[in-house]
């Protein structure tokens, strides 16, 4: 299943990844690939590579990501249930 993934900032400065579909497993971490300016959502599943955001982060967002240590992941779905929420580590990869 293809899911849309986006990054936003809450009024208190917390960074949040939002998806429009349920996740295949619990979110384990977010990886930020500095050289590619992309983020990947990694699950607690051995046979999954995770979901890569399909667009590069803008410079303003990169500055905020570089300062963050954790990120809130919220997964919405159209099934009238509350969204899944996870607070996970943000791992920066690259120079």
N, C-alpha and C. Protein backbone atom coordinates (compact mmCIF):
# COMPACT_ATOMS: atom_id res chain seq x y z
N UNK A 1 0.84 -1.18 0.00
CA UNK A 1 0.00 0.00 0.00
C UNK A 1 0.89 1.24 0.00
N UNK A 2 0.54 2.17 -0.85
CA UNK A 2 1.26 3.44 -0.88
C UNK A 2 0.63 4.37 0.15
N UNK A 3 1.48 4.99 0.96
CA UNK A 3 0.96 5.95 1.92
C UNK A 3 1.66 7.27 1.73
N UNK A 4 0.91 8.33 1.89
CA UNK A 4 1.49 9.67 1.84
C UNK A 4 2.09 9.95 3.21
N UNK A 5 3.30 10.50 3.21
CA UNK A 5 4.01 10.82 4.45
C UNK A 5 4.43 12.27 4.36
N UNK A 6 4.16 13.01 5.43
CA UNK A 6 4.54 14.42 5.43
C UNK A 6 5.08 14.82 6.80
N UNK A 7 5.89 15.85 6.80
CA UNK A 7 6.50 16.38 8.02
C UNK A 7 5.82 17.70 8.36
N UNK A 8 5.48 17.89 9.63
CA UNK A 8 4.92 19.18 10.05
C UNK A 8 5.45 19.49 11.45
N UNK A 9 5.19 20.72 11.87
CA UNK A 9 5.65 21.17 13.18
C UNK A 9 4.44 21.61 14.00
N UNK A 10 4.33 21.11 15.23
CA UNK A 10 3.26 21.50 16.13
C UNK A 10 3.55 22.87 16.73
N UNK A 11 2.55 23.55 17.27
CA UNK A 11 2.77 24.89 17.85
C UNK A 11 3.86 24.93 18.93
N UNK A 12 4.07 23.80 19.64
CA UNK A 12 5.10 23.79 20.68
C UNK A 12 6.49 23.47 20.15
N UNK A 13 6.63 23.32 18.81
CA UNK A 13 7.93 23.05 18.20
C UNK A 13 8.20 21.58 17.95
N UNK A 14 7.35 20.69 18.45
CA UNK A 14 7.52 19.26 18.23
C UNK A 14 7.37 18.94 16.74
N UNK A 15 8.28 18.14 16.20
CA UNK A 15 8.16 17.69 14.82
C UNK A 15 7.29 16.45 14.76
N UNK A 16 6.48 16.35 13.71
CA UNK A 16 5.55 15.25 13.59
C UNK A 16 5.55 14.75 12.14
N UNK A 17 5.61 13.45 12.00
CA UNK A 17 5.42 12.78 10.72
C UNK A 17 3.96 12.32 10.70
N UNK A 18 3.26 12.65 9.63
CA UNK A 18 1.85 12.27 9.49
C UNK A 18 1.70 11.39 8.26
N UNK A 19 0.96 10.30 8.41
CA UNK A 19 0.66 9.44 7.27
C UNK A 19 -0.86 9.32 7.13
N UNK A 20 -1.31 8.99 5.93
CA UNK A 20 -2.74 8.88 5.69
C UNK A 20 -3.22 7.43 5.66
N UNK A 21 -2.42 6.52 6.21
CA UNK A 21 -2.80 5.11 6.25
C UNK A 21 -2.19 4.47 7.49
N UNK A 22 -2.84 3.44 7.96
CA UNK A 22 -2.29 2.68 9.09
C UNK A 22 -0.92 2.13 8.71
N UNK A 23 -0.07 1.98 9.72
CA UNK A 23 1.28 1.45 9.49
C UNK A 23 1.23 -0.07 9.55
N UNK A 24 2.14 -0.76 8.84
CA UNK A 24 2.14 -2.22 8.85
C UNK A 24 2.62 -2.82 10.17
N UNK A 25 3.28 -2.00 10.99
CA UNK A 25 3.76 -2.42 12.31
C UNK A 25 4.06 -1.15 13.10
N UNK A 26 4.41 -1.30 14.36
CA UNK A 26 4.77 -0.14 15.17
C UNK A 26 5.95 0.58 14.56
N UNK A 27 5.93 1.91 14.63
CA UNK A 27 7.07 2.70 14.17
C UNK A 27 8.21 2.50 15.16
N UNK A 28 9.41 2.25 14.65
CA UNK A 28 10.58 2.02 15.50
C UNK A 28 11.48 3.24 15.56
N UNK A 29 11.66 3.93 14.40
CA UNK A 29 12.52 5.12 14.35
C UNK A 29 12.28 5.83 13.03
N UNK A 30 12.77 7.07 12.97
CA UNK A 30 12.83 7.83 11.73
C UNK A 30 14.29 8.01 11.39
N UNK A 31 14.67 7.72 10.16
CA UNK A 31 16.03 7.95 9.69
C UNK A 31 16.02 9.16 8.77
N UNK A 32 16.93 10.10 9.03
CA UNK A 32 17.08 11.27 8.17
C UNK A 32 18.39 11.15 7.42
N UNK A 33 18.32 11.03 6.09
CA UNK A 33 19.50 10.91 5.25
C UNK A 33 19.90 12.30 4.80
N UNK A 34 20.93 12.84 5.46
CA UNK A 34 21.34 14.23 5.25
C UNK A 34 21.69 14.53 3.80
N UNK A 35 22.46 13.64 3.16
CA UNK A 35 22.92 13.92 1.80
C UNK A 35 21.78 13.90 0.78
N UNK A 36 20.74 13.13 1.04
CA UNK A 36 19.61 13.05 0.12
C UNK A 36 18.45 13.95 0.54
N UNK A 37 18.52 14.49 1.75
CA UNK A 37 17.47 15.36 2.31
C UNK A 37 16.13 14.65 2.39
N UNK A 38 16.19 13.33 2.69
CA UNK A 38 14.99 12.50 2.76
C UNK A 38 14.87 11.85 4.14
N UNK A 39 13.64 11.51 4.49
CA UNK A 39 13.38 10.80 5.74
C UNK A 39 12.74 9.46 5.43
N UNK A 40 13.06 8.46 6.27
CA UNK A 40 12.46 7.14 6.12
C UNK A 40 11.82 6.73 7.43
N UNK A 41 10.61 6.21 7.35
CA UNK A 41 9.90 5.68 8.50
C UNK A 41 10.22 4.19 8.59
N UNK A 42 10.85 3.77 9.69
CA UNK A 42 11.29 2.38 9.86
C UNK A 42 10.38 1.70 10.88
N UNK A 43 9.93 0.49 10.54
CA UNK A 43 8.99 -0.26 11.37
C UNK A 43 9.68 -1.34 12.18
N UNK A 44 8.96 -1.84 13.16
CA UNK A 44 9.42 -2.94 14.00
C UNK A 44 9.09 -4.25 13.29
N UNK A 45 9.68 -4.44 12.08
CA UNK A 45 9.47 -5.63 11.26
C UNK A 45 10.81 -5.99 10.62
N UNK A 46 11.18 -7.24 10.67
CA UNK A 46 12.47 -7.63 10.10
C UNK A 46 12.47 -7.65 8.59
N UNK A 47 11.34 -7.91 7.95
CA UNK A 47 11.32 -8.05 6.49
C UNK A 47 10.84 -6.79 5.77
N UNK A 48 10.91 -5.63 6.44
CA UNK A 48 10.46 -4.38 5.84
C UNK A 48 11.61 -3.37 5.80
N UNK A 49 11.75 -2.70 4.66
CA UNK A 49 12.76 -1.65 4.56
C UNK A 49 12.24 -0.32 5.07
N UNK A 50 10.95 -0.20 5.28
CA UNK A 50 10.36 1.05 5.73
C UNK A 50 9.77 1.83 4.57
N UNK A 51 9.27 3.03 4.88
CA UNK A 51 8.67 3.91 3.87
C UNK A 51 9.49 5.18 3.77
N UNK A 52 9.91 5.51 2.56
CA UNK A 52 10.70 6.69 2.29
C UNK A 52 9.78 7.83 1.88
N UNK A 53 9.99 9.03 2.45
CA UNK A 53 9.24 10.20 2.00
C UNK A 53 9.58 10.43 0.53
N UNK A 54 8.61 10.87 -0.25
CA UNK A 54 8.81 10.98 -1.69
C UNK A 54 9.31 12.35 -2.13
N UNK A 55 9.58 13.24 -1.19
CA UNK A 55 10.08 14.57 -1.57
C UNK A 55 11.18 15.01 -0.62
N UNK A 56 12.11 15.79 -1.15
CA UNK A 56 13.21 16.31 -0.32
C UNK A 56 12.67 17.36 0.65
N UNK A 57 13.31 17.42 1.81
CA UNK A 57 12.93 18.44 2.79
C UNK A 57 13.50 19.79 2.39
N UNK A 58 12.74 20.85 2.59
CA UNK A 58 13.26 22.20 2.33
C UNK A 58 14.29 22.59 3.39
N UNK A 59 15.12 23.56 3.08
CA UNK A 59 16.21 23.98 3.97
C UNK A 59 15.70 24.34 5.37
N UNK A 60 14.59 25.04 5.47
CA UNK A 60 14.05 25.43 6.78
C UNK A 60 13.70 24.19 7.63
N UNK A 61 13.12 23.19 7.00
CA UNK A 61 12.78 21.96 7.72
C UNK A 61 14.03 21.20 8.13
N UNK A 62 15.05 21.20 7.29
CA UNK A 62 16.29 20.49 7.62
C UNK A 62 16.92 21.07 8.88
N UNK A 63 16.92 22.38 9.04
CA UNK A 63 17.48 22.99 10.25
C UNK A 63 16.75 22.49 11.49
N UNK A 64 15.44 22.37 11.43
CA UNK A 64 14.66 21.89 12.57
C UNK A 64 14.92 20.41 12.83
N UNK A 65 15.01 19.62 11.78
CA UNK A 65 15.28 18.19 11.91
C UNK A 65 16.66 17.96 12.54
N UNK A 66 17.64 18.77 12.15
CA UNK A 66 19.00 18.61 12.68
C UNK A 66 19.06 18.83 14.19
N UNK A 67 18.12 19.58 14.75
CA UNK A 67 18.10 19.86 16.19
C UNK A 67 17.25 18.86 16.97
N UNK A 68 16.43 18.09 16.29
CA UNK A 68 15.50 17.17 16.95
C UNK A 68 16.18 15.86 17.32
N UNK A 69 15.73 15.27 18.40
CA UNK A 69 16.21 13.95 18.83
C UNK A 69 15.11 12.91 18.74
N UNK A 70 13.86 13.36 18.85
CA UNK A 70 12.70 12.48 18.76
C UNK A 70 11.68 13.12 17.84
N UNK A 71 10.76 12.30 17.37
CA UNK A 71 9.72 12.79 16.48
C UNK A 71 8.43 12.02 16.76
N UNK A 72 7.33 12.69 16.64
CA UNK A 72 6.02 12.08 16.84
C UNK A 72 5.54 11.56 15.49
N UNK A 73 5.08 10.31 15.45
CA UNK A 73 4.54 9.71 14.23
C UNK A 73 3.05 9.48 14.47
N UNK A 74 2.22 10.01 13.57
CA UNK A 74 0.77 9.86 13.68
C UNK A 74 0.26 9.26 12.37
N UNK A 75 -0.45 8.14 12.48
CA UNK A 75 -0.98 7.45 11.30
C UNK A 75 -2.50 7.47 11.35
N UNK A 76 -3.09 8.17 10.39
CA UNK A 76 -4.55 8.26 10.28
C UNK A 76 -5.05 7.21 9.30
N UNK A 77 -6.31 6.84 9.46
CA UNK A 77 -6.95 5.95 8.49
C UNK A 77 -8.43 6.29 8.46
N UNK A 78 -9.10 5.88 7.42
CA UNK A 78 -10.53 6.17 7.28
C UNK A 78 -11.39 5.06 7.86
N UNK A 79 -11.08 4.65 9.08
CA UNK A 79 -11.85 3.56 9.68
C UNK A 79 -12.50 3.97 11.01
N UNK A 80 -12.60 5.27 11.26
CA UNK A 80 -13.27 5.82 12.44
C UNK A 80 -12.61 5.44 13.77
N UNK A 81 -11.37 4.97 13.73
CA UNK A 81 -10.62 4.71 14.96
C UNK A 81 -9.70 5.88 15.21
N UNK A 82 -9.27 6.00 16.46
CA UNK A 82 -8.26 7.02 16.78
C UNK A 82 -6.98 6.70 16.02
N UNK A 83 -6.22 7.73 15.63
CA UNK A 83 -4.96 7.47 14.91
C UNK A 83 -3.94 6.79 15.81
N UNK A 84 -3.07 6.00 15.20
CA UNK A 84 -1.94 5.41 15.93
C UNK A 84 -0.92 6.51 16.16
N UNK A 85 -0.30 6.53 17.34
CA UNK A 85 0.71 7.54 17.66
C UNK A 85 1.93 6.88 18.29
N UNK A 86 3.09 7.30 17.85
CA UNK A 86 4.36 6.78 18.37
C UNK A 86 5.33 7.96 18.52
N UNK A 87 6.07 8.00 19.61
CA UNK A 87 7.19 8.93 19.73
C UNK A 87 8.44 8.09 19.59
N UNK A 88 9.23 8.40 18.55
CA UNK A 88 10.36 7.54 18.21
C UNK A 88 11.63 8.38 18.06
N UNK A 89 12.81 7.72 18.15
CA UNK A 89 14.06 8.45 17.95
C UNK A 89 14.21 8.89 16.49
N UNK A 90 14.87 10.00 16.31
CA UNK A 90 15.22 10.52 14.99
C UNK A 90 16.71 10.31 14.81
N UNK A 91 17.08 9.44 13.88
CA UNK A 91 18.46 9.06 13.63
C UNK A 91 18.96 9.80 12.40
N UNK A 92 20.06 10.54 12.54
CA UNK A 92 20.62 11.28 11.41
C UNK A 92 21.76 10.46 10.80
N UNK A 93 21.68 10.27 9.48
CA UNK A 93 22.64 9.43 8.78
C UNK A 93 23.35 10.27 7.73
N UNK A 94 24.66 10.23 7.72
CA UNK A 94 25.46 10.96 6.73
C UNK A 94 26.20 12.12 7.36
N UNK A 95 26.92 12.84 6.50
CA UNK A 95 27.75 13.95 6.97
C UNK A 95 26.95 15.21 7.01
